[in-house]
C-alpha atoms as a PDB file:
ATOM      1  CA  MET A   1    -187.679   5.039 -44.348  1.00  0.00           C
ATOM      2  CA  SER A   2    -184.829   7.498 -44.856  1.00  0.00           C
ATOM      3  CA  THR A   3    -182.068   6.972 -47.375  1.00  0.00           C
ATOM      4  CA  ILE A   4    -178.492   7.672 -46.325  1.00  0.00           C
ATOM      5  CA  ALA A   5    -176.049   8.624 -49.045  1.00  0.00           C
ATOM      6  CA  ALA A   6    -173.177   6.165 -49.262  1.00  0.00           C
ATOM      7  CA  PRO A   7    -169.858   7.757 -48.300  1.00  0.00           C
ATOM      8  CA  ARG A   8    -168.141   5.564 -50.896  1.00  0.00           C
ATOM      9  CA  TYR A   9    -169.695   4.361 -54.112  1.00  0.00           C
ATOM     10  CA  THR A  10    -168.778   2.911 -57.489  1.00  0.00           C
ATOM     11  CA  SER A  11    -169.213   4.954 -60.641  1.00  0.00           C
ATOM     12  CA  TYR A  12    -168.492   4.000 -64.248  1.00  0.00           C
ATOM     13  CA  VAL A  13    -166.551   6.756 -66.000  1.00  0.00           C
ATOM     14  CA  PRO A  14    -164.978   6.994 -69.462  1.00  0.00           C
ATOM     15  CA  LEU A  15    -161.443   5.669 -69.541  1.00  0.00           C
ATOM     16  CA  THR A  16    -160.395   8.876 -71.287  1.00  0.00           C
ATOM     17  CA  ASP A  17    -161.676  10.908 -68.313  1.00  0.00           C
ATOM     18  CA  LEU A  18    -159.373   9.210 -65.798  1.00  0.00           C
ATOM     19  CA  THR A  19    -156.619  11.730 -65.113  1.00  0.00           C
ATOM     20  CA  PRO A  20    -153.485  10.460 -63.349  1.00  0.00           C
ATOM     21  CA  SER A  21    -151.857  12.302 -60.481  1.00  0.00           C
ATOM     22  CA  PRO A  22    -148.811  14.206 -61.786  1.00  0.00           C
ATOM     23  CA  GLY A  23    -145.484  12.611 -60.962  1.00  0.00           C
ATOM     24  CA  ASN A  24    -146.926   9.365 -59.624  1.00  0.00           C
ATOM     25  CA  PRO A  25    -143.771   7.570 -58.400  1.00  0.00           C
ATOM     26  CA  LYS A  26    -145.041   3.986 -58.680  1.00  0.00           C
ATOM     27  CA  ARG A  27    -143.706   1.918 -61.542  1.00  0.00           C
ATOM     28  CA  HIS A  28    -145.875  -0.677 -63.241  1.00  0.00           C
ATOM     29  CA  GLU A  29    -145.431  -3.879 -65.209  1.00  0.00           C
ATOM     30  CA  ILE A  30    -148.041  -3.034 -67.804  1.00  0.00           C
ATOM     31  CA  GLU A  31    -147.840  -6.290 -69.763  1.00  0.00           C
ATOM     32  CA  ARG A  32    -148.421  -8.336 -66.610  1.00  0.00           C
ATOM     33  CA  ILE A  33    -151.399  -6.143 -65.682  1.00  0.00           C
ATOM     34  CA  ILE A  34    -152.807  -6.609 -69.184  1.00  0.00           C
ATOM     35  CA  GLU A  35    -152.352 -10.374 -68.919  1.00  0.00           C
ATOM     36  CA  SER A  36    -154.189 -10.414 -65.592  1.00  0.00           C
ATOM     37  CA  ILE A  37    -157.100  -8.342 -66.921  1.00  0.00           C
ATOM     38  CA  GLU A  38    -157.381 -10.522 -70.021  1.00  0.00           C
ATOM     39  CA  THR A  39    -157.391 -13.683 -67.893  1.00  0.00           C
ATOM     40  CA  HIS A  40    -159.523 -12.682 -64.906  1.00  0.00           C
ATOM     41  CA  GLY A  41    -161.302  -9.496 -65.946  1.00  0.00           C
ATOM     42  CA  PHE A  42    -161.048  -6.074 -64.314  1.00  0.00           C
ATOM     43  CA  LEU A  43    -161.073  -6.773 -60.573  1.00  0.00           C
ATOM     44  CA  ASP A  44    -159.502  -3.830 -58.752  1.00  0.00           C
ATOM     45  CA  GLN A  45    -161.137  -0.415 -59.022  1.00  0.00           C
ATOM     46  CA  GLY A  46    -159.175   2.792 -59.163  1.00  0.00           C
ATOM     47  CA  ILE A  47    -159.847   5.605 -56.684  1.00  0.00           C
ATOM     48  CA  VAL A  48    -160.734   9.193 -57.559  1.00  0.00           C
ATOM     49  CA  ASP A  49    -159.851  12.104 -55.283  1.00  0.00           C
ATOM     50  CA  GLU A  50    -162.994  14.256 -55.332  1.00  0.00           C
ATOM     51  CA  ARG A  51    -161.050  17.377 -54.362  1.00  0.00           C
ATOM     52  CA  THR A  52    -158.823  17.282 -57.429  1.00  0.00           C
ATOM     53  CA  GLY A  53    -160.632  14.939 -59.807  1.00  0.00           C
ATOM     54  CA  LEU A  54    -157.392  12.974 -60.197  1.00  0.00           C
ATOM     55  CA  ILE A  55    -156.969   9.263 -59.575  1.00  0.00           C
ATOM     56  CA  ILE A  56    -154.881   8.368 -56.540  1.00  0.00           C
ATOM     57  CA  GLY A  57    -155.074   4.611 -57.071  1.00  0.00           C
ATOM     58  CA  GLY A  58    -155.163   2.579 -60.262  1.00  0.00           C
ATOM     59  CA  HIS A  59    -152.537   4.321 -62.388  1.00  0.00           C
ATOM     60  CA  GLY A  60    -151.119   1.066 -63.728  1.00  0.00           C
ATOM     61  CA  ARG A  61    -154.546  -0.363 -64.499  1.00  0.00           C
ATOM     62  CA  ARG A  62    -155.493   2.849 -66.320  1.00  0.00           C
ATOM     63  CA  GLU A  63    -152.345   2.653 -68.429  1.00  0.00           C
ATOM     64  CA  ALA A  64    -152.951  -1.024 -69.154  1.00  0.00           C
ATOM     65  CA  LEU A  65    -156.535  -0.388 -70.287  1.00  0.00           C
ATOM     66  CA  ILE A  66    -155.433   2.445 -72.573  1.00  0.00           C
ATOM     67  CA  GLU A  67    -152.895   0.095 -74.145  1.00  0.00           C
ATOM     68  CA  MET A  68    -155.501  -2.648 -74.505  1.00  0.00           C
ATOM     69  CA  GLN A  69    -158.080  -0.352 -76.100  1.00  0.00           C
ATOM     70  CA  ALA A  70    -155.497   0.967 -78.561  1.00  0.00           C
ATOM     71  CA  ARG A  71    -154.812  -2.517 -79.886  1.00  0.00           C
ATOM     72  CA  ARG A  72    -156.790  -3.357 -83.007  1.00  0.00           C
ATOM     73  CA  GLY A  73    -159.645  -5.714 -82.269  1.00  0.00           C
ATOM     74  CA  ALA A  74    -159.234  -5.543 -78.491  1.00  0.00           C
ATOM     75  CA  ARG A  75    -162.113  -7.245 -76.659  1.00  0.00           C
ATOM     76  CA  LEU A  76    -163.920  -5.313 -73.930  1.00  0.00           C
ATOM     77  CA  PRO A  77    -162.557  -6.677 -70.630  1.00  0.00           C
ATOM     78  CA  ASP A  78    -164.993  -8.327 -68.254  1.00  0.00           C
ATOM     79  CA  GLY A  79    -166.054  -5.796 -65.622  1.00  0.00           C
ATOM     80  CA  LEU A  80    -166.107  -2.791 -67.961  1.00  0.00           C
ATOM     81  CA  LEU A  81    -168.992  -1.241 -69.882  1.00  0.00           C
ATOM     82  CA  ILE A  82    -169.072   0.422 -73.278  1.00  0.00           C
ATOM     83  CA  ASP A  83    -170.705   3.760 -74.139  1.00  0.00           C
ATOM     84  CA  ASP A  84    -172.680   4.709 -77.235  1.00  0.00           C
ATOM     85  CA  ASP A  85    -169.518   5.876 -78.998  1.00  0.00           C
ATOM     86  CA  GLY A  86    -167.629   2.655 -78.333  1.00  0.00           C
ATOM     87  CA  GLY A  87    -165.548   4.072 -75.503  1.00  0.00           C
ATOM     88  CA  TRP A  88    -164.709   1.988 -72.464  1.00  0.00           C
ATOM     89  CA  LEU A  89    -166.352   2.820 -69.136  1.00  0.00           C
ATOM     90  CA  VAL A  90    -164.273   1.917 -66.088  1.00  0.00           C
ATOM     91  CA  PRO A  91    -165.526   1.368 -62.515  1.00  0.00           C
ATOM     92  CA  VAL A  92    -163.871   3.634 -59.955  1.00  0.00           C
ATOM     93  CA  GLN A  93    -164.392   4.308 -56.276  1.00  0.00           C
ATOM     94  CA  ARG A  94    -165.818   7.750 -55.574  1.00  0.00           C
ATOM     95  CA  GLY A  95    -166.592   9.760 -52.457  1.00  0.00           C
ATOM     96  CA  TRP A  96    -163.160  10.367 -50.885  1.00  0.00           C
ATOM     97  CA  SER A  97    -161.542  13.805 -50.811  1.00  0.00           C
ATOM     98  CA  SER A  98    -158.032  14.674 -49.739  1.00  0.00           C
ATOM     99  CA  ARG A  99    -157.524  17.640 -47.428  1.00  0.00           C
ATOM    100  CA  ASN A 100    -154.613  18.960 -49.456  1.00  0.00           C
ATOM    101  CA  ASP A 101    -151.956  17.942 -51.977  1.00  0.00           C
ATOM    102  CA  LEU A 102    -149.675  16.560 -49.280  1.00  0.00           C
ATOM    103  CA  GLU A 103    -152.322  14.149 -48.021  1.00  0.00           C
ATOM    104  CA  ALA A 104    -153.076  13.071 -51.594  1.00  0.00           C
ATOM    105  CA  LYS A 105    -149.399  12.253 -52.163  1.00  0.00           C
ATOM    106  CA  ALA A 106    -149.205  10.380 -48.861  1.00  0.00           C
ATOM    107  CA  VAL A 107    -152.238   8.257 -49.767  1.00  0.00           C
ATOM    108  CA  ILE A 108    -150.793   7.456 -53.206  1.00  0.00           C
ATOM    109  CA  ILE A 109    -147.722   6.045 -51.476  1.00  0.00           C
ATOM    110  CA  LYS A 110    -149.671   4.264 -48.733  1.00  0.00           C
ATOM    111  CA  LEU A 111    -151.978   2.472 -51.158  1.00  0.00           C
ATOM    112  CA  ASN A 112    -148.900   0.724 -52.514  1.00  0.00           C
ATOM    113  CA  ARG A 113    -146.734   0.511 -49.399  1.00  0.00           C
ATOM    114  CA  LEU A 114    -149.331  -1.040 -47.107  1.00  0.00           C
ATOM    115  CA  THR A 115    -149.784  -4.090 -49.322  1.00  0.00           C
ATOM    116  CA  GLU A 116    -146.071  -4.756 -49.706  1.00  0.00           C
ATOM    117  CA  ALA A 117    -145.076  -4.064 -46.088  1.00  0.00           C
ATOM    118  CA  ALA A 118    -146.861  -7.023 -44.486  1.00  0.00           C
ATOM    119  CA  GLY A 119    -145.196  -9.702 -46.590  1.00  0.00           C
ATOM    120  CA  TRP A 120    -146.546 -13.232 -46.922  1.00  0.00           C
ATOM    121  CA  ASP A 121    -147.348 -16.195 -44.725  1.00  0.00           C
ATOM    122  CA  SER A 122    -144.736 -18.487 -46.274  1.00  0.00           C
ATOM    123  CA  ARG A 123    -146.445 -21.769 -45.422  1.00  0.00           C
ATOM    124  CA  SER A 124    -149.856 -20.699 -46.745  1.00  0.00           C
ATOM    125  CA  LEU A 125    -148.258 -19.231 -49.858  1.00  0.00           C
ATOM    126  CA  ALA A 126    -146.367 -22.455 -50.507  1.00  0.00           C
ATOM    127  CA  GLU A 127    -149.563 -24.484 -50.175  1.00  0.00           C
ATOM    128  CA  TYR A 128    -151.428 -22.142 -52.553  1.00  0.00           C
ATOM    129  CA  LEU A 129    -148.621 -22.421 -55.085  1.00  0.00           C
ATOM    130  CA  GLU A 130    -148.591 -26.202 -54.775  1.00  0.00           C
ATOM    131  CA  GLU A 131    -152.315 -26.347 -55.555  1.00  0.00           C
ATOM    132  CA  LEU A 132    -151.899 -24.046 -58.549  1.00  0.00           C
ATOM    133  CA  ALA A 133    -148.822 -25.824 -59.889  1.00  0.00           C
ATOM    134  CA  THR A 134    -150.425 -29.260 -59.722  1.00  0.00           C
ATOM    135  CA  GLY A 135    -153.916 -28.151 -60.756  1.00  0.00           C
ATOM    136  CA  ASP A 136    -153.459 -25.520 -63.475  1.00  0.00           C
ATOM    137  CA  ALA A 137    -150.042 -25.028 -65.052  1.00  0.00           C
ATOM    138  CA  ALA A 138    -151.126 -21.932 -66.983  1.00  0.00           C
ATOM    139  CA  LEU A 139    -152.330 -20.140 -63.853  1.00  0.00           C
ATOM    140  CA  PHE A 140    -149.160 -21.133 -62.018  1.00  0.00           C
ATOM    141  CA  ASP A 141    -147.019 -19.765 -64.855  1.00  0.00           C
ATOM    142  CA  SER A 142    -149.021 -16.519 -64.915  1.00  0.00           C
ATOM    143  CA  LEU A 143    -147.767 -15.726 -61.395  1.00  0.00           C
ATOM    144  CA  ASN A 144    -144.267 -15.257 -62.850  1.00  0.00           C
ATOM    145  CA  TYR A 145    -142.347 -16.508 -59.828  1.00  0.00           C
ATOM    146  CA  SER A 146    -138.629 -16.618 -60.573  1.00  0.00           C
ATOM    147  CA  ASP A 147    -136.383 -19.533 -59.619  1.00  0.00           C
ATOM    148  CA  ASP A 148    -134.747 -17.381 -56.940  1.00  0.00           C
ATOM    149  CA  GLU A 149    -138.114 -16.451 -55.437  1.00  0.00           C
ATOM    150  CA  MET A 150    -139.194 -20.081 -55.314  1.00  0.00           C
ATOM    151  CA  GLU A 151    -135.938 -21.112 -53.693  1.00  0.00           C
ATOM    152  CA  GLN A 152    -136.206 -18.355 -51.095  1.00  0.00           C
ATOM    153  CA  LEU A 153    -139.782 -19.375 -50.292  1.00  0.00           C
ATOM    154  CA  LEU A 154    -138.875 -23.025 -49.813  1.00  0.00           C
ATOM    155  CA  ARG A 155    -136.041 -22.064 -47.468  1.00  0.00           C
ATOM    156  CA  GLN A 156    -138.551 -20.219 -45.260  1.00  0.00           C
ATOM    157  CA  VAL A 157    -140.950 -23.145 -44.968  1.00  0.00           C
ATOM    158  CA  ASP A 158    -140.553 -25.988 -42.488  1.00  0.00           C
ATOM    159  CA  PRO A 159    -140.857 -29.008 -44.817  1.00  0.00           C
ATOM    160  CA  GLU A 160    -141.906 -31.289 -41.953  1.00  0.00           C
ATOM    161  CA  SER A 161    -145.076 -29.217 -41.449  1.00  0.00           C
ATOM    162  CA  LEU A 162    -146.212 -29.529 -45.062  1.00  0.00           C
ATOM    163  CA  PRO A 163    -148.404 -32.277 -46.546  1.00  0.00           C
ATOM    164  CA  GLY A 164    -145.625 -33.532 -48.827  1.00  0.00           C
ATOM    165  CA  GLY A 165    -143.079 -34.104 -46.090  1.00  0.00           C
ATOM    166  CA  SER A 166    -139.420 -33.126 -46.133  1.00  0.00           C
ATOM    167  CA  PRO A 167    -137.486 -32.714 -49.412  1.00  0.00           C
ATOM    168  CA  ASP A 168    -133.873 -33.800 -49.449  1.00  0.00           C
ATOM    169  CA  ALA A 169    -130.905 -31.482 -50.005  1.00  0.00           C
ATOM    170  CA  ASP A 170    -130.484 -32.363 -53.686  1.00  0.00           C
ATOM    171  CA  GLU A 171    -134.078 -31.401 -54.403  1.00  0.00           C
ATOM    172  CA  LEU A 172    -133.592 -28.081 -52.643  1.00  0.00           C
ATOM    173  CA  GLN A 173    -130.544 -27.363 -54.784  1.00  0.00           C
ATOM    174  CA  ASP A 174    -132.463 -28.191 -57.962  1.00  0.00           C
ATOM    175  CA  LEU A 175    -135.408 -25.948 -57.033  1.00  0.00           C
ATOM    176  CA  GLY A 176    -137.067 -24.046 -59.847  1.00  0.00           C
ATOM    177  CA  GLY A 177    -135.433 -25.763 -62.791  1.00  0.00           C
ATOM    178  CA  THR A 178    -131.754 -24.981 -62.154  1.00  0.00           C
ATOM    179  CA  GLY A 179    -130.579 -28.582 -61.919  1.00  0.00           C
ATOM    180  CA  GLY A 180    -130.158 -31.231 -64.576  1.00  0.00           C
ATOM    181  CA  ASP A 181    -133.450 -32.939 -63.768  1.00  0.00           C
ATOM    182  CA  PHE A 182    -135.356 -29.810 -64.751  1.00  0.00           C
ATOM    183  CA  ALA A 183    -134.094 -29.290 -68.291  1.00  0.00           C
ATOM    184  CA  ASP A 184    -136.390 -29.164 -71.301  1.00  0.00           C
ATOM    185  CA  SER A 185    -136.789 -32.345 -73.306  1.00  0.00           C
ATOM    186  CA  GLY A 186    -135.416 -30.626 -76.395  1.00  0.00           C
ATOM    187  CA  ASP A 187    -138.482 -31.151 -78.587  1.00  0.00           C
ATOM    188  CA  ASN A 188    -140.940 -28.510 -79.698  1.00  0.00           C
ATOM    189  CA  ASP A 189    -143.401 -29.309 -76.926  1.00  0.00           C
ATOM    190  CA  ARG A 190    -141.951 -27.904 -73.740  1.00  0.00           C
ATOM    191  CA  ALA A 191    -141.817 -30.685 -71.141  1.00  0.00           C
ATOM    192  CA  ARG A 192    -141.046 -28.581 -68.106  1.00  0.00           C
ATOM    193  CA  THR A 193    -140.491 -30.115 -64.704  1.00  0.00           C
ATOM    194  CA  VAL A 194    -140.551 -27.870 -61.666  1.00  0.00           C
ATOM    195  CA  CYS A 195    -140.056 -28.326 -57.961  1.00  0.00           C
ATOM    196  CA  CYS A 196    -143.184 -28.258 -55.816  1.00  0.00           C
ATOM    197  CA  PRO A 197    -143.133 -25.065 -53.693  1.00  0.00           C
ATOM    198  CA  ALA A 198    -144.588 -26.916 -50.727  1.00  0.00           C
ATOM    199  CA  CYS A 199    -142.941 -30.332 -50.566  1.00  0.00           C
ATOM    200  CA  GLY A 200    -139.918 -29.920 -52.831  1.00  0.00           C
ATOM    201  CA  GLU A 201    -140.804 -32.883 -55.066  1.00  0.00           C
ATOM    202  CA  PRO A 202    -140.218 -32.505 -58.844  1.00  0.00           C
ATOM    203  CA  PHE A 203    -143.273 -32.776 -61.101  1.00  0.00           C
ATOM    204  CA  THR A 204    -144.670 -31.655 -64.461  1.00  0.00           C
ATOM    205  CA  PRO A 205    -147.323 -28.904 -63.966  1.00  0.00           C
ATOM    206  CA  GLY A 206    -150.840 -29.890 -64.986  1.00  0.00           C
ATOM    207  CA  GLN A 207    -150.182 -33.629 -64.753  1.00  0.00           C
END
């Protein structure tokens, strides 16, 4: 039986060996990436361009890991390995080579643009958010949806098609904690009420 070399494969490389592409134009919310890695582990591999040895995907995750490792007492994230010297080993995708610098730059942009261009299925997103908000308040909060984003989402969803039915106009106006019914209780324990992203009903996450 013959063995065919995989055109793409995963390799664990030292974090310090990951070299970013110069002038990468993508900005990153490093603290949010760190929070995600700490909560869920390292899920999304970077990509190395074999022609240049530079990464073309995973710049933000690289920066986040460097920040995490620099912190005193940082725990090795799930999904990474550790070498004999205590350095972190990061999984990356190998096997792809750009034809030239222009193609490498185009791919760097596409890896980010393709995910943002398609948008979301508003109804499915609202149902996912409803499940998270009612089932795990901490996970819901970790998504960092703003009040404006929640309001915009609810405006795009046909309330009649959702399990919770149709919210009334007052509930739509109070979406996301902007109305009087959504204020904190004033004590040290934050009693936060939010509006369900699917049905528009107010509730306390996790209850």
